[in-house]
C-alpha atoms as a PDB file:
ATOM      1  CA  UNK A   1     -11.703 -22.002  74.247  1.00  0.00           C
ATOM      2  CA  UNK A   2     -11.388 -18.068  75.319  1.00  0.00           C
ATOM      3  CA  UNK A   3     -14.849 -18.473  76.741  1.00  0.00           C
ATOM      4  CA  UNK A   4     -13.626 -21.139  79.097  1.00  0.00           C
ATOM      5  CA  UNK A   5     -10.529 -19.080  80.365  1.00  0.00           C
ATOM      6  CA  UNK A   6     -12.798 -15.940  81.219  1.00  0.00           C
ATOM      7  CA  UNK A   7     -15.202 -18.131  83.150  1.00  0.00           C
ATOM      8  CA  UNK A   8     -12.375 -19.891  84.883  1.00  0.00           C
ATOM      9  CA  UNK A   9     -10.248 -16.306  85.850  1.00  0.00           C
ATOM     10  CA  UNK A  10     -10.817 -13.103  87.553  1.00  0.00           C
ATOM     11  CA  UNK A  11      -9.339  -9.912  85.376  1.00  0.00           C
ATOM     12  CA  UNK A  12      -8.832  -6.843  87.485  1.00  0.00           C
ATOM     13  CA  UNK A  13      -8.262  -3.628  85.634  1.00  0.00           C
ATOM     14  CA  UNK A  14      -6.740  -0.368  87.174  1.00  0.00           C
ATOM     15  CA  UNK A  15      -7.321   2.830  85.896  1.00  0.00           C
ATOM     16  CA  UNK A  16      -4.493   5.211  86.308  1.00  0.00           C
ATOM     17  CA  UNK A  17      -5.051   9.123  85.784  1.00  0.00           C
ATOM     18  CA  UNK A  18      -2.361  11.413  86.008  1.00  0.00           C
ATOM     19  CA  UNK A  19      -2.035  15.149  86.200  1.00  0.00           C
ATOM     20  CA  UNK A  20       0.550  17.360  85.512  1.00  0.00           C
ATOM     21  CA  UNK A  21       0.717  21.371  86.083  1.00  0.00           C
ATOM     22  CA  UNK A  22       3.183  23.789  85.834  1.00  0.00           C
ATOM     23  CA  UNK A  23       2.121  25.917  89.296  1.00  0.00           C
ATOM     24  CA  UNK A  24       4.560  28.738  88.538  1.00  0.00           C
ATOM     25  CA  UNK A  25       7.515  29.172  86.249  1.00  0.00           C
ATOM     26  CA  UNK A  26      10.031  31.807  86.165  1.00  0.00           C
ATOM     27  CA  UNK A  27      13.452  32.872  84.856  1.00  0.00           C
ATOM     28  CA  UNK A  28      16.077  34.937  83.640  1.00  0.00           C
ATOM     29  CA  UNK A  29      16.904  36.019  79.932  1.00  0.00           C
ATOM     30  CA  UNK A  30      19.790  37.215  77.987  1.00  0.00           C
ATOM     31  CA  UNK A  31      18.258  39.164  74.902  1.00  0.00           C
ATOM     32  CA  UNK A  32      19.994  40.466  71.591  1.00  0.00           C
ATOM     33  CA  UNK A  33      17.854  42.860  69.282  1.00  0.00           C
ATOM     34  CA  UNK A  34      17.738  43.932  65.851  1.00  0.00           C
ATOM     35  CA  UNK A  35      16.199  47.281  64.992  1.00  0.00           C
ATOM     36  CA  UNK A  36      14.826  47.040  61.347  1.00  0.00           C
ATOM     37  CA  UNK A  37      13.726  50.338  61.215  1.00  0.00           C
ATOM     38  CA  UNK A  38      13.110  53.087  64.453  1.00  0.00           C
ATOM     39  CA  UNK A  39      10.018  51.636  65.159  1.00  0.00           C
ATOM     40  CA  UNK A  40      10.404  48.169  65.009  1.00  0.00           C
ATOM     41  CA  UNK A  41      12.678  45.399  66.627  1.00  0.00           C
ATOM     42  CA  UNK A  42      13.065  41.678  66.389  1.00  0.00           C
ATOM     43  CA  UNK A  43      14.714  39.588  69.183  1.00  0.00           C
ATOM     44  CA  UNK A  44      16.046  36.615  70.291  1.00  0.00           C
ATOM     45  CA  UNK A  45      16.706  35.396  73.989  1.00  0.00           C
ATOM     46  CA  UNK A  46      18.076  32.410  76.077  1.00  0.00           C
ATOM     47  CA  UNK A  47      18.326  32.033  79.694  1.00  0.00           C
ATOM     48  CA  UNK A  48      17.907  29.307  82.665  1.00  0.00           C
ATOM     49  CA  UNK A  49      14.273  28.590  84.218  1.00  0.00           C
ATOM     50  CA  UNK A  50      12.419  27.187  87.049  1.00  0.00           C
ATOM     51  CA  UNK A  51       9.028  26.001  87.406  1.00  0.00           C
ATOM     52  CA  UNK A  52       7.159  24.434  90.224  1.00  0.00           C
ATOM     53  CA  UNK A  53       5.464  21.148  88.542  1.00  0.00           C
ATOM     54  CA  UNK A  54       2.967  19.379  90.522  1.00  0.00           C
ATOM     55  CA  UNK A  55       2.448  15.825  89.614  1.00  0.00           C
ATOM     56  CA  UNK A  56      -1.103  14.142  90.892  1.00  0.00           C
ATOM     57  CA  UNK A  57      -2.112  10.449  90.430  1.00  0.00           C
ATOM     58  CA  UNK A  58      -4.988   8.260  91.310  1.00  0.00           C
ATOM     59  CA  UNK A  59      -4.824   4.493  90.521  1.00  0.00           C
ATOM     60  CA  UNK A  60      -7.169   2.043  92.566  1.00  0.00           C
ATOM     61  CA  UNK A  61      -7.707   3.627  95.995  1.00  0.00           C
ATOM     62  CA  UNK A  62      -4.672   5.428  96.097  1.00  0.00           C
ATOM     63  CA  UNK A  63      -4.090   8.800  95.427  1.00  0.00           C
ATOM     64  CA  UNK A  64      -0.514  10.749  95.182  1.00  0.00           C
ATOM     65  CA  UNK A  65       0.256  14.487  95.098  1.00  0.00           C
ATOM     66  CA  UNK A  66       4.013  15.718  94.887  1.00  0.00           C
ATOM     67  CA  UNK A  67       5.653  18.830  93.721  1.00  0.00           C
ATOM     68  CA  UNK A  68       8.842  19.467  92.481  1.00  0.00           C
ATOM     69  CA  UNK A  69      10.660  22.287  91.524  1.00  0.00           C
ATOM     70  CA  UNK A  70      12.797  22.096  88.106  1.00  0.00           C
ATOM     71  CA  UNK A  71      15.313  23.952  87.020  1.00  0.00           C
ATOM     72  CA  UNK A  72      16.167  24.032  82.685  1.00  0.00           C
ATOM     73  CA  UNK A  73      16.737  26.101  79.903  1.00  0.00           C
ATOM     74  CA  UNK A  74      14.727  28.377  77.617  1.00  0.00           C
ATOM     75  CA  UNK A  75      15.306  30.205  74.176  1.00  0.00           C
ATOM     76  CA  UNK A  76      12.451  32.163  72.846  1.00  0.00           C
ATOM     77  CA  UNK A  77      11.998  34.804  69.958  1.00  0.00           C
ATOM     78  CA  UNK A  78       9.885  37.968  69.148  1.00  0.00           C
ATOM     79  CA  UNK A  79       9.166  41.218  67.765  1.00  0.00           C
ATOM     80  CA  UNK A  80       8.209  44.764  69.175  1.00  0.00           C
ATOM     81  CA  UNK A  81       6.543  47.217  67.004  1.00  0.00           C
ATOM     82  CA  UNK A  82       5.567  50.705  67.772  1.00  0.00           C
ATOM     83  CA  UNK A  83       2.278  51.972  67.454  1.00  0.00           C
ATOM     84  CA  UNK A  84       2.817  55.255  67.943  1.00  0.00           C
ATOM     85  CA  UNK A  85       5.991  57.077  69.715  1.00  0.00           C
ATOM     86  CA  UNK A  86       4.867  56.045  73.295  1.00  0.00           C
ATOM     87  CA  UNK A  87       2.531  52.748  72.411  1.00  0.00           C
ATOM     88  CA  UNK A  88       3.832  49.724  71.492  1.00  0.00           C
ATOM     89  CA  UNK A  89       3.062  45.646  70.643  1.00  0.00           C
ATOM     90  CA  UNK A  90       5.647  42.983  71.718  1.00  0.00           C
ATOM     91  CA  UNK A  91       5.115  39.136  70.521  1.00  0.00           C
ATOM     92  CA  UNK A  92       7.270  36.330  72.129  1.00  0.00           C
ATOM     93  CA  UNK A  93       7.402  32.642  71.735  1.00  0.00           C
ATOM     94  CA  UNK A  94       9.530  30.966  73.976  1.00  0.00           C
ATOM     95  CA  UNK A  95      10.327  26.719  74.456  1.00  0.00           C
ATOM     96  CA  UNK A  96      11.612  25.702  77.917  1.00  0.00           C
ATOM     97  CA  UNK A  97      13.082  21.977  78.598  1.00  0.00           C
ATOM     98  CA  UNK A  98      13.550  21.093  82.367  1.00  0.00           C
ATOM     99  CA  UNK A  99      14.511  17.577  81.348  1.00  0.00           C
ATOM    100  CA  UNK A 100      13.566  14.298  82.450  1.00  0.00           C
ATOM    101  CA  UNK A 101      13.159  12.880  86.117  1.00  0.00           C
ATOM    102  CA  UNK A 102      11.656   9.938  88.002  1.00  0.00           C
ATOM    103  CA  UNK A 103       8.442  10.766  90.551  1.00  0.00           C
ATOM    104  CA  UNK A 104       8.041   8.254  93.271  1.00  0.00           C
ATOM    105  CA  UNK A 105       4.394   7.784  94.419  1.00  0.00           C
ATOM    106  CA  UNK A 106       2.811   7.086  97.760  1.00  0.00           C
ATOM    107  CA  UNK A 107       2.120   3.325  96.589  1.00  0.00           C
ATOM    108  CA  UNK A 108       5.776   3.349  95.723  1.00  0.00           C
ATOM    109  CA  UNK A 109       5.200   3.240  91.809  1.00  0.00           C
ATOM    110  CA  UNK A 110       7.699   5.465  89.747  1.00  0.00           C
ATOM    111  CA  UNK A 111       6.840   7.060  86.879  1.00  0.00           C
ATOM    112  CA  UNK A 112       9.437   9.190  84.655  1.00  0.00           C
ATOM    113  CA  UNK A 113       8.483  12.583  83.684  1.00  0.00           C
ATOM    114  CA  UNK A 114       9.657  14.649  80.593  1.00  0.00           C
ATOM    115  CA  UNK A 115       8.880  18.258  81.305  1.00  0.00           C
ATOM    116  CA  UNK A 116       9.056  20.781  78.683  1.00  0.00           C
ATOM    117  CA  UNK A 117       6.377  23.857  78.178  1.00  0.00           C
ATOM    118  CA  UNK A 118       5.683  26.168  74.979  1.00  0.00           C
ATOM    119  CA  UNK A 119       4.432  29.848  76.047  1.00  0.00           C
ATOM    120  CA  UNK A 120       3.256  32.622  74.095  1.00  0.00           C
ATOM    121  CA  UNK A 121       2.886  36.462  74.921  1.00  0.00           C
ATOM    122  CA  UNK A 122       1.369  39.285  73.526  1.00  0.00           C
ATOM    123  CA  UNK A 123       2.463  42.537  75.551  1.00  0.00           C
ATOM    124  CA  UNK A 124       0.915  46.018  75.058  1.00  0.00           C
ATOM    125  CA  UNK A 125       3.583  48.380  76.401  1.00  0.00           C
ATOM    126  CA  UNK A 126       3.273  52.508  77.041  1.00  0.00           C
ATOM    127  CA  UNK A 127       6.474  54.533  77.543  1.00  0.00           C
ATOM    128  CA  UNK A 128       6.604  56.900  79.520  1.00  0.00           C
END
């Protein structure tokens, strides 16, 4: 009988909350482009990328903060259009993969992390 089991046993639920944030990231890229006209360029880029990730976990009364710098790779594509001879707009979308690794927290629990990042940028450029 299920109601008897609930009366005889005590159940303890532990809620675990994990936050992952990329604090800083930087990289190098080799960019190759194709000029579709005098004023427009399509491009693709690839290169190494680094990110400093912060992992925060709260499980019951145990709090844990870990930082890890990860090296990975990124690939991206974009376009640049000239608005005038000096003003340009550039759109860029990139994907970065930093692999997977295990994070050991203060309570000796281990968590597997798969770290990827998608970013988009719009730049307004002025050429002197």
